[in-house]
Amino acid sequence: MEKNLSRFYWYRLTKFGLFHIAILVIFYQQRGLSFSQIMILQSVYYFAKVLSEIPTGAWADRVGRKKSLVIGSFCHSSAYLLIFLSHSFILFNVGEIIAGIAMSFASGADSALAYDSLKCLGREGEYRKIEGNATGMRYLAFAAFAPIGSLLATINLALPYLLSSIVV
């Protein structure tokens, strides 16, 4: 159970290893999409995420939080790899749908696993501190990975998506 807690921080750091976030619009424009199409893609992502929150949460509760996190990570990685390889609006939509669902698989399951681990160790009172530190890891990831992705984009705009696929 103690390992779950240290892994929780690493999971949060890598889950938000989104090197592509700062260049997302420019990447899609380079691939031939209009600004309207890019905004549609973002809407599709959030729509998929919202629609899948309850079913994936129930699945994590029923089948297992660790399995949910593994599936979410695999799908998230696959989504960014698909986007990296794609050149069509339809495939970008598929990638964004997969990414939205993948985030739902992880949404809450990571925190629930941390809480369950603390409860097994008799340390539930530490949850707020652990969750706060993990949230800090999330923001650290955004702060560290986005500028690196921006630098990589000067070489090739698709590289940040490839690296996001690997880290996530």
N, C-alpha and C. Protein backbone atom coordinates (compact mmCIF):
# COMPACT_ATOMS: atom_id res chain seq x y z
N MET A 1 0.81 -1.19 0.00
CA MET A 1 0.00 0.00 0.00
C MET A 1 0.86 1.26 0.00
N GLU A 2 1.99 1.19 0.69
CA GLU A 2 2.89 2.34 0.75
C GLU A 2 3.41 2.69 -0.64
N LYS A 3 3.65 1.65 -1.46
CA LYS A 3 4.12 1.89 -2.84
C LYS A 3 3.09 2.66 -3.65
N ASN A 4 1.81 2.39 -3.40
CA ASN A 4 0.75 3.09 -4.13
C ASN A 4 0.87 4.60 -3.93
N LEU A 5 1.26 5.02 -2.74
CA LEU A 5 1.33 6.45 -2.44
C LEU A 5 2.48 7.13 -3.18
N SER A 6 3.65 6.51 -3.20
CA SER A 6 4.77 7.11 -3.93
C SER A 6 4.50 7.06 -5.45
N ARG A 7 3.89 6.01 -5.89
CA ARG A 7 3.54 5.90 -7.31
C ARG A 7 2.45 6.90 -7.71
N PHE A 8 1.62 7.27 -6.77
CA PHE A 8 0.56 8.24 -7.01
C PHE A 8 1.15 9.56 -7.50
N TYR A 9 2.22 10.01 -6.86
CA TYR A 9 2.87 11.26 -7.29
C TYR A 9 3.45 11.14 -8.70
N TRP A 10 4.13 10.03 -8.94
CA TRP A 10 4.71 9.83 -10.27
C TRP A 10 3.62 9.70 -11.33
N TYR A 11 2.54 9.06 -10.98
CA TYR A 11 1.43 8.92 -11.91
C TYR A 11 0.87 10.29 -12.28
N ARG A 12 0.65 11.13 -11.28
CA ARG A 12 0.11 12.46 -11.54
C ARG A 12 1.06 13.28 -12.41
N LEU A 13 2.36 13.14 -12.14
CA LEU A 13 3.35 13.89 -12.92
C LEU A 13 3.31 13.46 -14.39
N THR A 14 3.30 12.16 -14.62
CA THR A 14 3.34 11.67 -16.00
C THR A 14 1.99 11.74 -16.69
N LYS A 15 0.91 11.61 -15.93
CA LYS A 15 -0.43 11.71 -16.52
C LYS A 15 -0.62 13.05 -17.21
N PHE A 16 -0.01 14.07 -16.64
CA PHE A 16 -0.12 15.41 -17.21
C PHE A 16 1.17 15.82 -17.92
N GLY A 17 1.89 14.83 -18.44
CA GLY A 17 3.07 15.09 -19.26
C GLY A 17 2.65 15.47 -20.67
N LEU A 18 1.92 16.55 -20.77
CA LEU A 18 1.31 16.96 -22.02
C LEU A 18 2.21 17.98 -22.73
N PHE A 19 3.22 17.46 -23.39
CA PHE A 19 4.17 18.32 -24.10
C PHE A 19 3.49 19.13 -25.20
N HIS A 20 2.41 18.62 -25.72
CA HIS A 20 1.74 19.24 -26.87
C HIS A 20 0.79 20.37 -26.53
N ILE A 21 0.47 20.55 -25.28
CA ILE A 21 -0.61 21.46 -24.90
C ILE A 21 -0.37 22.90 -25.37
N ALA A 22 0.86 23.35 -25.38
CA ALA A 22 1.15 24.73 -25.76
C ALA A 22 1.11 24.96 -27.27
N ILE A 23 1.22 23.90 -28.05
CA ILE A 23 1.29 24.06 -29.51
C ILE A 23 0.12 23.40 -30.22
N LEU A 24 -0.88 23.01 -29.49
CA LEU A 24 -2.01 22.27 -30.02
C LEU A 24 -2.66 22.97 -31.22
N VAL A 25 -2.96 24.24 -31.09
CA VAL A 25 -3.63 24.96 -32.17
C VAL A 25 -2.73 25.05 -33.40
N ILE A 26 -1.47 25.38 -33.19
CA ILE A 26 -0.54 25.50 -34.31
C ILE A 26 -0.35 24.16 -35.01
N PHE A 27 -0.27 23.08 -34.23
CA PHE A 27 -0.13 21.74 -34.81
C PHE A 27 -1.31 21.43 -35.73
N TYR A 28 -2.52 21.63 -35.23
CA TYR A 28 -3.71 21.33 -36.03
C TYR A 28 -3.79 22.24 -37.26
N GLN A 29 -3.38 23.49 -37.13
CA GLN A 29 -3.38 24.38 -38.30
C GLN A 29 -2.38 23.90 -39.35
N GLN A 30 -1.23 23.43 -38.88
CA GLN A 30 -0.24 22.90 -39.81
C GLN A 30 -0.78 21.67 -40.55
N ARG A 31 -1.62 20.91 -39.87
CA ARG A 31 -2.21 19.72 -40.48
C ARG A 31 -3.43 20.07 -41.34
N GLY A 32 -3.68 21.36 -41.54
CA GLY A 32 -4.70 21.78 -42.48
C GLY A 32 -6.07 22.10 -41.92
N LEU A 33 -6.19 22.14 -40.60
CA LEU A 33 -7.50 22.41 -40.01
C LEU A 33 -7.72 23.91 -39.82
N SER A 34 -8.97 24.31 -39.93
CA SER A 34 -9.34 25.70 -39.66
C SER A 34 -9.48 25.87 -38.14
N PHE A 35 -9.53 27.13 -37.73
CA PHE A 35 -9.70 27.39 -36.30
C PHE A 35 -11.03 26.82 -35.80
N SER A 36 -12.06 26.91 -36.61
CA SER A 36 -13.37 26.35 -36.23
C SER A 36 -13.28 24.84 -36.03
N GLN A 37 -12.59 24.16 -36.91
CA GLN A 37 -12.43 22.70 -36.77
C GLN A 37 -11.65 22.36 -35.50
N ILE A 38 -10.66 23.16 -35.18
CA ILE A 38 -9.86 22.93 -33.97
C ILE A 38 -10.75 23.07 -32.73
N MET A 39 -11.61 24.06 -32.72
CA MET A 39 -12.50 24.26 -31.58
C MET A 39 -13.54 23.13 -31.50
N ILE A 40 -13.95 22.64 -32.66
CA ILE A 40 -14.85 21.47 -32.67
C ILE A 40 -14.14 20.28 -32.04
N LEU A 41 -12.87 20.07 -32.39
CA LEU A 41 -12.10 18.97 -31.80
C LEU A 41 -12.04 19.09 -30.28
N GLN A 42 -11.81 20.29 -29.79
CA GLN A 42 -11.75 20.49 -28.34
C GLN A 42 -13.11 20.21 -27.70
N SER A 43 -14.17 20.60 -28.37
CA SER A 43 -15.52 20.31 -27.88
C SER A 43 -15.78 18.81 -27.86
N VAL A 44 -15.34 18.12 -28.89
CA VAL A 44 -15.51 16.67 -28.97
C VAL A 44 -14.78 15.99 -27.81
N TYR A 45 -13.55 16.46 -27.53
CA TYR A 45 -12.78 15.91 -26.41
C TYR A 45 -13.57 16.04 -25.10
N TYR A 46 -14.05 17.25 -24.80
CA TYR A 46 -14.75 17.47 -23.53
C TYR A 46 -16.10 16.77 -23.50
N PHE A 47 -16.76 16.69 -24.62
CA PHE A 47 -18.03 15.97 -24.69
C PHE A 47 -17.80 14.49 -24.38
N ALA A 48 -16.77 13.90 -24.98
CA ALA A 48 -16.44 12.49 -24.72
C ALA A 48 -16.08 12.29 -23.25
N LYS A 49 -15.34 13.23 -22.70
CA LYS A 49 -14.93 13.13 -21.30
C LYS A 49 -16.14 13.18 -20.37
N VAL A 50 -17.03 14.12 -20.61
CA VAL A 50 -18.21 14.27 -19.76
C VAL A 50 -19.11 13.03 -19.86
N LEU A 51 -19.35 12.55 -21.08
CA LEU A 51 -20.23 11.39 -21.26
C LEU A 51 -19.67 10.11 -20.65
N SER A 52 -18.35 10.03 -20.56
CA SER A 52 -17.76 8.78 -20.07
C SER A 52 -17.38 8.82 -18.59
N GLU A 53 -17.55 9.95 -17.92
CA GLU A 53 -17.16 10.06 -16.50
C GLU A 53 -17.87 9.03 -15.61
N ILE A 54 -19.17 8.95 -15.69
CA ILE A 54 -19.92 8.06 -14.80
C ILE A 54 -19.66 6.59 -15.13
N PRO A 55 -19.74 6.18 -16.41
CA PRO A 55 -19.49 4.76 -16.69
C PRO A 55 -18.07 4.31 -16.33
N THR A 56 -17.07 5.15 -16.60
CA THR A 56 -15.70 4.74 -16.28
C THR A 56 -15.46 4.75 -14.77
N GLY A 57 -16.11 5.67 -14.06
CA GLY A 57 -16.00 5.68 -12.60
C GLY A 57 -16.62 4.45 -11.98
N ALA A 58 -17.78 4.06 -12.49
CA ALA A 58 -18.43 2.84 -12.00
C ALA A 58 -17.59 1.62 -12.33
N TRP A 59 -17.00 1.63 -13.52
CA TRP A 59 -16.15 0.51 -13.93
C TRP A 59 -14.94 0.40 -12.99
N ALA A 60 -14.34 1.54 -12.66
CA ALA A 60 -13.18 1.53 -11.74
C ALA A 60 -13.57 1.01 -10.37
N ASP A 61 -14.76 1.39 -9.89
CA ASP A 61 -15.23 0.91 -8.59
C ASP A 61 -15.50 -0.59 -8.61
N ARG A 62 -16.03 -1.06 -9.71
CA ARG A 62 -16.42 -2.47 -9.80
C ARG A 62 -15.24 -3.38 -10.15
N VAL A 63 -14.46 -3.00 -11.14
CA VAL A 63 -13.40 -3.89 -11.64
C VAL A 63 -12.05 -3.64 -10.97
N GLY A 64 -11.78 -2.39 -10.65
CA GLY A 64 -10.53 -2.09 -9.97
C GLY A 64 -9.93 -0.77 -10.43
N ARG A 65 -9.45 -0.02 -9.46
CA ARG A 65 -8.89 1.29 -9.77
C ARG A 65 -7.57 1.19 -10.52
N LYS A 66 -6.72 0.24 -10.14
CA LYS A 66 -5.44 0.09 -10.84
C LYS A 66 -5.67 -0.28 -12.30
N LYS A 67 -6.60 -1.18 -12.55
CA LYS A 67 -6.91 -1.56 -13.93
C LYS A 67 -7.44 -0.36 -14.71
N SER A 68 -8.25 0.44 -14.06
CA SER A 68 -8.78 1.64 -14.71
C SER A 68 -7.65 2.60 -15.08
N LEU A 69 -6.70 2.76 -14.19
CA LEU A 69 -5.57 3.65 -14.46
C LEU A 69 -4.70 3.12 -15.59
N VAL A 70 -4.50 1.83 -15.63
CA VAL A 70 -3.70 1.23 -16.70
C VAL A 70 -4.40 1.39 -18.05
N ILE A 71 -5.69 1.10 -18.08
CA ILE A 71 -6.45 1.25 -19.33
C ILE A 71 -6.47 2.71 -19.76
N GLY A 72 -6.69 3.60 -18.81
CA GLY A 72 -6.70 5.03 -19.13
C GLY A 72 -5.37 5.49 -19.70
N SER A 73 -4.27 5.05 -19.11
CA SER A 73 -2.94 5.43 -19.60
C SER A 73 -2.68 4.88 -20.99
N PHE A 74 -3.03 3.61 -21.19
CA PHE A 74 -2.84 3.00 -22.51
C PHE A 74 -3.66 3.73 -23.57
N CYS A 75 -4.91 4.02 -23.27
CA CYS A 75 -5.78 4.72 -24.23
C CYS A 75 -5.29 6.14 -24.48
N HIS A 76 -4.83 6.80 -23.43
CA HIS A 76 -4.33 8.16 -23.57
C HIS A 76 -3.11 8.18 -24.48
N SER A 77 -2.21 7.26 -24.24
CA SER A 77 -1.02 7.14 -25.07
C SER A 77 -1.39 6.85 -26.52
N SER A 78 -2.33 5.94 -26.71
CA SER A 78 -2.79 5.58 -28.06
C SER A 78 -3.44 6.77 -28.76
N ALA A 79 -4.19 7.57 -28.02
CA ALA A 79 -4.86 8.74 -28.60
C ALA A 79 -3.84 9.73 -29.15
N TYR A 80 -2.81 10.01 -28.37
CA TYR A 80 -1.80 10.97 -28.83
C TYR A 80 -0.96 10.41 -29.97
N LEU A 81 -0.74 9.11 -29.96
CA LEU A 81 -0.03 8.50 -31.08
C LEU A 81 -0.87 8.59 -32.36
N LEU A 82 -2.17 8.33 -32.24
CA LEU A 82 -3.07 8.45 -33.39
C LEU A 82 -3.07 9.89 -33.92
N ILE A 83 -3.15 10.85 -33.03
CA ILE A 83 -3.14 12.25 -33.46
C ILE A 83 -1.81 12.59 -34.12
N PHE A 84 -0.72 12.11 -33.56
CA PHE A 84 0.61 12.33 -34.12
C PHE A 84 0.69 11.82 -35.57
N LEU A 85 0.07 10.68 -35.83
CA LEU A 85 0.15 10.05 -37.16
C LEU A 85 -0.91 10.56 -38.14
N SER A 86 -1.94 11.24 -37.65
CA SER A 86 -3.10 11.58 -38.48
C SER A 86 -2.91 12.86 -39.29
N HIS A 87 -3.70 12.91 -40.35
CA HIS A 87 -3.75 14.10 -41.20
C HIS A 87 -5.18 14.40 -41.62
N SER A 88 -6.16 13.77 -40.98
CA SER A 88 -7.55 14.01 -41.38
C SER A 88 -8.38 14.39 -40.16
N PHE A 89 -9.36 15.23 -40.42
CA PHE A 89 -10.26 15.72 -39.37
C PHE A 89 -10.96 14.56 -38.67
N ILE A 90 -11.36 13.55 -39.41
CA ILE A 90 -12.06 12.40 -38.82
C ILE A 90 -11.15 11.66 -37.84
N LEU A 91 -9.91 11.40 -38.23
CA LEU A 91 -8.99 10.70 -37.33
C LEU A 91 -8.62 11.55 -36.12
N PHE A 92 -8.51 12.86 -36.32
CA PHE A 92 -8.27 13.73 -35.17
C PHE A 92 -9.43 13.64 -34.18
N ASN A 93 -10.65 13.58 -34.70
CA ASN A 93 -11.83 13.42 -33.83
C ASN A 93 -11.76 12.12 -33.04
N VAL A 94 -11.40 11.04 -33.73
CA VAL A 94 -11.26 9.74 -33.05
C VAL A 94 -10.21 9.84 -31.94
N GLY A 95 -9.09 10.48 -32.24
CA GLY A 95 -8.05 10.66 -31.23
C GLY A 95 -8.53 11.46 -30.03
N GLU A 96 -9.27 12.52 -30.29
CA GLU A 96 -9.78 13.35 -29.19
C GLU A 96 -10.83 12.61 -28.37
N ILE A 97 -11.65 11.80 -29.02
CA ILE A 97 -12.64 10.99 -28.29
C ILE A 97 -11.93 9.99 -27.39
N ILE A 98 -10.93 9.32 -27.92
CA ILE A 98 -10.16 8.35 -27.12
C ILE A 98 -9.48 9.06 -25.95
N ALA A 99 -8.90 10.25 -26.21
CA ALA A 99 -8.23 11.00 -25.14
C ALA A 99 -9.22 11.40 -24.06
N GLY A 100 -10.42 11.83 -24.44
CA GLY A 100 -11.44 12.20 -23.46
C GLY A 100 -11.86 11.03 -22.60
N ILE A 101 -12.09 9.90 -23.23
CA ILE A 101 -12.46 8.70 -22.48
C ILE A 101 -11.31 8.25 -21.58
N ALA A 102 -10.09 8.34 -22.09
CA ALA A 102 -8.91 7.95 -21.31
C ALA A 102 -8.79 8.79 -20.05
N MET A 103 -9.02 10.08 -20.17
CA MET A 103 -8.95 10.94 -18.99
C MET A 103 -10.04 10.56 -17.98
N SER A 104 -11.18 10.13 -18.48
CA SER A 104 -12.26 9.71 -17.58
C SER A 104 -11.90 8.44 -16.82
N PHE A 105 -11.17 7.54 -17.46
CA PHE A 105 -10.74 6.32 -16.77
C PHE A 105 -9.86 6.66 -15.57
N ALA A 106 -9.09 7.73 -15.69
CA ALA A 106 -8.18 8.11 -14.61
C ALA A 106 -8.84 9.06 -13.62
N SER A 107 -9.82 9.80 -14.07
CA SER A 107 -10.45 10.85 -13.26
C SER A 107 -11.08 10.26 -12.01
N GLY A 108 -10.50 10.56 -10.88
CA GLY A 108 -11.03 10.08 -9.62
C GLY A 108 -10.48 8.73 -9.19
N ALA A 109 -10.16 7.87 -10.15
CA ALA A 109 -9.65 6.54 -9.79
C ALA A 109 -8.30 6.65 -9.10
N ASP A 110 -7.47 7.59 -9.54
CA ASP A 110 -6.16 7.77 -8.91
C ASP A 110 -6.32 8.27 -7.47
N SER A 111 -7.19 9.23 -7.27
CA SER A 111 -7.42 9.75 -5.91
C SER A 111 -8.07 8.70 -5.02
N ALA A 112 -9.00 7.94 -5.56
CA ALA A 112 -9.66 6.89 -4.79
C ALA A 112 -8.66 5.81 -4.37
N LEU A 113 -7.76 5.46 -5.27
CA LEU A 113 -6.74 4.47 -4.95
C LEU A 113 -5.82 4.99 -3.84
N ALA A 114 -5.45 6.25 -3.92
CA ALA A 114 -4.62 6.84 -2.86
C ALA A 114 -5.35 6.81 -1.52
N TYR A 115 -6.63 7.19 -1.53
CA TYR A 115 -7.42 7.18 -0.29
C TYR A 115 -7.54 5.76 0.27
N ASP A 116 -7.87 4.81 -0.61
CA ASP A 116 -7.99 3.41 -0.16
C ASP A 116 -6.68 2.91 0.44
N SER A 117 -5.57 3.29 -0.17
CA SER A 117 -4.25 2.87 0.34
C SER A 117 -4.00 3.48 1.71
N LEU A 118 -4.31 4.76 1.86
CA LEU A 118 -4.15 5.40 3.16
C LEU A 118 -5.05 4.76 4.21
N LYS A 119 -6.27 4.42 3.81
CA LYS A 119 -7.21 3.79 4.74
C LYS A 119 -6.68 2.44 5.22
N CYS A 120 -6.13 1.66 4.30
CA CYS A 120 -5.55 0.35 4.68
C CYS A 120 -4.38 0.52 5.65
N LEU A 121 -3.67 1.63 5.51
CA LEU A 121 -2.53 1.90 6.39
C LEU A 121 -2.95 2.61 7.68
N GLY A 122 -4.26 2.91 7.80
CA GLY A 122 -4.75 3.62 8.98
C GLY A 122 -4.33 5.08 9.01
N ARG A 123 -4.12 5.67 7.83
CA ARG A 123 -3.63 7.05 7.74
C ARG A 123 -4.57 7.93 6.91
N GLU A 124 -5.88 7.69 6.99
CA GLU A 124 -6.84 8.46 6.19
C GLU A 124 -6.73 9.97 6.42
N GLY A 125 -6.30 10.36 7.60
CA GLY A 125 -6.18 11.77 7.94
C GLY A 125 -5.16 12.51 7.09
N GLU A 126 -4.30 11.78 6.42
CA GLU A 126 -3.26 12.40 5.58
C GLU A 126 -3.74 12.63 4.14
N TYR A 127 -4.97 12.22 3.84
CA TYR A 127 -5.44 12.29 2.45
C TYR A 127 -5.34 13.68 1.85
N ARG A 128 -5.80 14.69 2.56
CA ARG A 128 -5.80 16.05 2.01
C ARG A 128 -4.39 16.50 1.65
N LYS A 129 -3.44 16.17 2.50
CA LYS A 129 -2.04 16.53 2.25
C LYS A 129 -1.52 15.79 1.01
N ILE A 130 -1.78 14.49 0.95
CA ILE A 130 -1.31 13.68 -0.19
C ILE A 130 -1.95 14.17 -1.48
N GLU A 131 -3.25 14.42 -1.46
CA GLU A 131 -3.95 14.91 -2.66
C GLU A 131 -3.43 16.29 -3.05
N GLY A 132 -3.18 17.12 -2.09
CA GLY A 132 -2.64 18.46 -2.37
C GLY A 132 -1.27 18.38 -3.02
N ASN A 133 -0.42 17.51 -2.51
CA ASN A 133 0.91 17.32 -3.11
C ASN A 133 0.80 16.77 -4.52
N ALA A 134 -0.13 15.84 -4.73
CA ALA A 134 -0.32 15.26 -6.06
C ALA A 134 -0.85 16.31 -7.04
N THR A 135 -1.71 17.19 -6.56
CA THR A 135 -2.19 18.29 -7.41
C THR A 135 -1.03 19.20 -7.77
N GLY A 136 -0.13 19.40 -6.84
CA GLY A 136 1.09 20.16 -7.12
C GLY A 136 1.91 19.51 -8.22
N MET A 137 1.97 18.18 -8.22
CA MET A 137 2.69 17.46 -9.27
C MET A 137 2.04 17.69 -10.62
N ARG A 138 0.73 17.78 -10.63
CA ARG A 138 -0.01 18.05 -11.87
C ARG A 138 0.41 19.40 -12.45
N TYR A 139 0.43 20.42 -11.60
CA TYR A 139 0.80 21.75 -12.07
C TYR A 139 2.28 21.84 -12.42
N LEU A 140 3.10 21.11 -11.70
CA LEU A 140 4.52 21.03 -12.04
C LEU A 140 4.69 20.43 -13.44
N ALA A 141 3.91 19.40 -13.74
CA ALA A 141 3.97 18.77 -15.05
C ALA A 141 3.61 19.77 -16.15
N PHE A 142 2.53 20.50 -15.95
CA PHE A 142 2.14 21.51 -16.94
C PHE A 142 3.26 22.54 -17.12
N ALA A 143 3.81 23.00 -16.01
CA ALA A 143 4.84 24.04 -16.05
C ALA A 143 6.13 23.55 -16.70
N ALA A 144 6.47 22.29 -16.50
CA ALA A 144 7.73 21.77 -17.04
C ALA A 144 7.60 21.25 -18.46
N PHE A 145 6.53 20.52 -18.74
CA PHE A 145 6.44 19.83 -20.03
C PHE A 145 6.00 20.72 -21.18
N ALA A 146 5.15 21.70 -20.94
CA ALA A 146 4.69 22.57 -22.03
C ALA A 146 5.84 23.37 -22.66
N PRO A 147 6.73 23.98 -21.87
CA PRO A 147 7.85 24.69 -22.50
C PRO A 147 8.80 23.76 -23.27
N ILE A 148 8.99 22.56 -22.73
CA ILE A 148 9.84 21.59 -23.45
C ILE A 148 9.18 21.23 -24.77
N GLY A 149 7.87 21.01 -24.73
CA GLY A 149 7.13 20.72 -25.96
C GLY A 149 7.23 21.85 -26.97
N SER A 150 7.19 23.08 -26.48
CA SER A 150 7.31 24.24 -27.36
C SER A 150 8.67 24.27 -28.04
N LEU A 151 9.71 23.95 -27.29
CA LEU A 151 11.05 23.90 -27.88
C LEU A 151 11.15 22.78 -28.91
N LEU A 152 10.59 21.63 -28.61
CA LEU A 152 10.60 20.52 -29.57
C LEU A 152 9.83 20.88 -30.84
N ALA A 153 8.79 21.67 -30.69
CA ALA A 153 7.97 22.08 -31.84
C ALA A 153 8.76 22.91 -32.83
N THR A 154 9.83 23.55 -32.37
CA THR A 154 10.66 24.32 -33.31
C THR A 154 11.40 23.39 -34.26
N ILE A 155 11.56 22.14 -33.85
CA ILE A 155 12.19 21.13 -34.72
C ILE A 155 11.13 20.52 -35.63
N ASN A 156 10.02 20.08 -34.99
CA ASN A 156 8.91 19.48 -35.73
C ASN A 156 7.67 19.60 -34.85
N LEU A 157 6.60 20.17 -35.41
CA LEU A 157 5.39 20.41 -34.62
C LEU A 157 4.73 19.13 -34.10
N ALA A 158 5.02 18.01 -34.70
CA ALA A 158 4.40 16.75 -34.27
C ALA A 158 5.15 16.09 -33.10
N LEU A 159 6.40 16.47 -32.89
CA LEU A 159 7.20 15.83 -31.83
C LEU A 159 6.56 15.92 -30.44
N PRO A 160 5.99 17.04 -30.05
CA PRO A 160 5.39 17.08 -28.71
C PRO A 160 4.26 16.04 -28.54
N TYR A 161 3.51 15.74 -29.60
CA TYR A 161 2.49 14.71 -29.50
C TYR A 161 3.12 13.33 -29.31
N LEU A 162 4.19 13.08 -30.01
CA LEU A 162 4.88 11.80 -29.87
C LEU A 162 5.40 11.65 -28.45
N LEU A 163 6.02 12.70 -27.94
CA LEU A 163 6.57 12.63 -26.58
C LEU A 163 5.46 12.52 -25.54
N SER A 164 4.35 13.21 -25.75
CA SER A 164 3.20 13.06 -24.84
C SER A 164 2.72 11.61 -24.83
N SER A 165 2.69 11.00 -25.99
CA SER A 165 2.27 9.60 -26.10
C SER A 165 3.18 8.69 -25.29
N ILE A 166 4.45 8.96 -25.32
CA ILE A 166 5.42 8.11 -24.60
C ILE A 166 5.30 8.33 -23.09
N VAL A 167 5.25 9.58 -22.65
CA VAL A 167 5.24 9.88 -21.21
C VAL A 167 3.94 9.51 -20.54
N VAL A 168 2.83 9.80 -21.21
CA VAL A 168 1.52 9.51 -20.62
C VAL A 168 1.36 8.02 -20.46
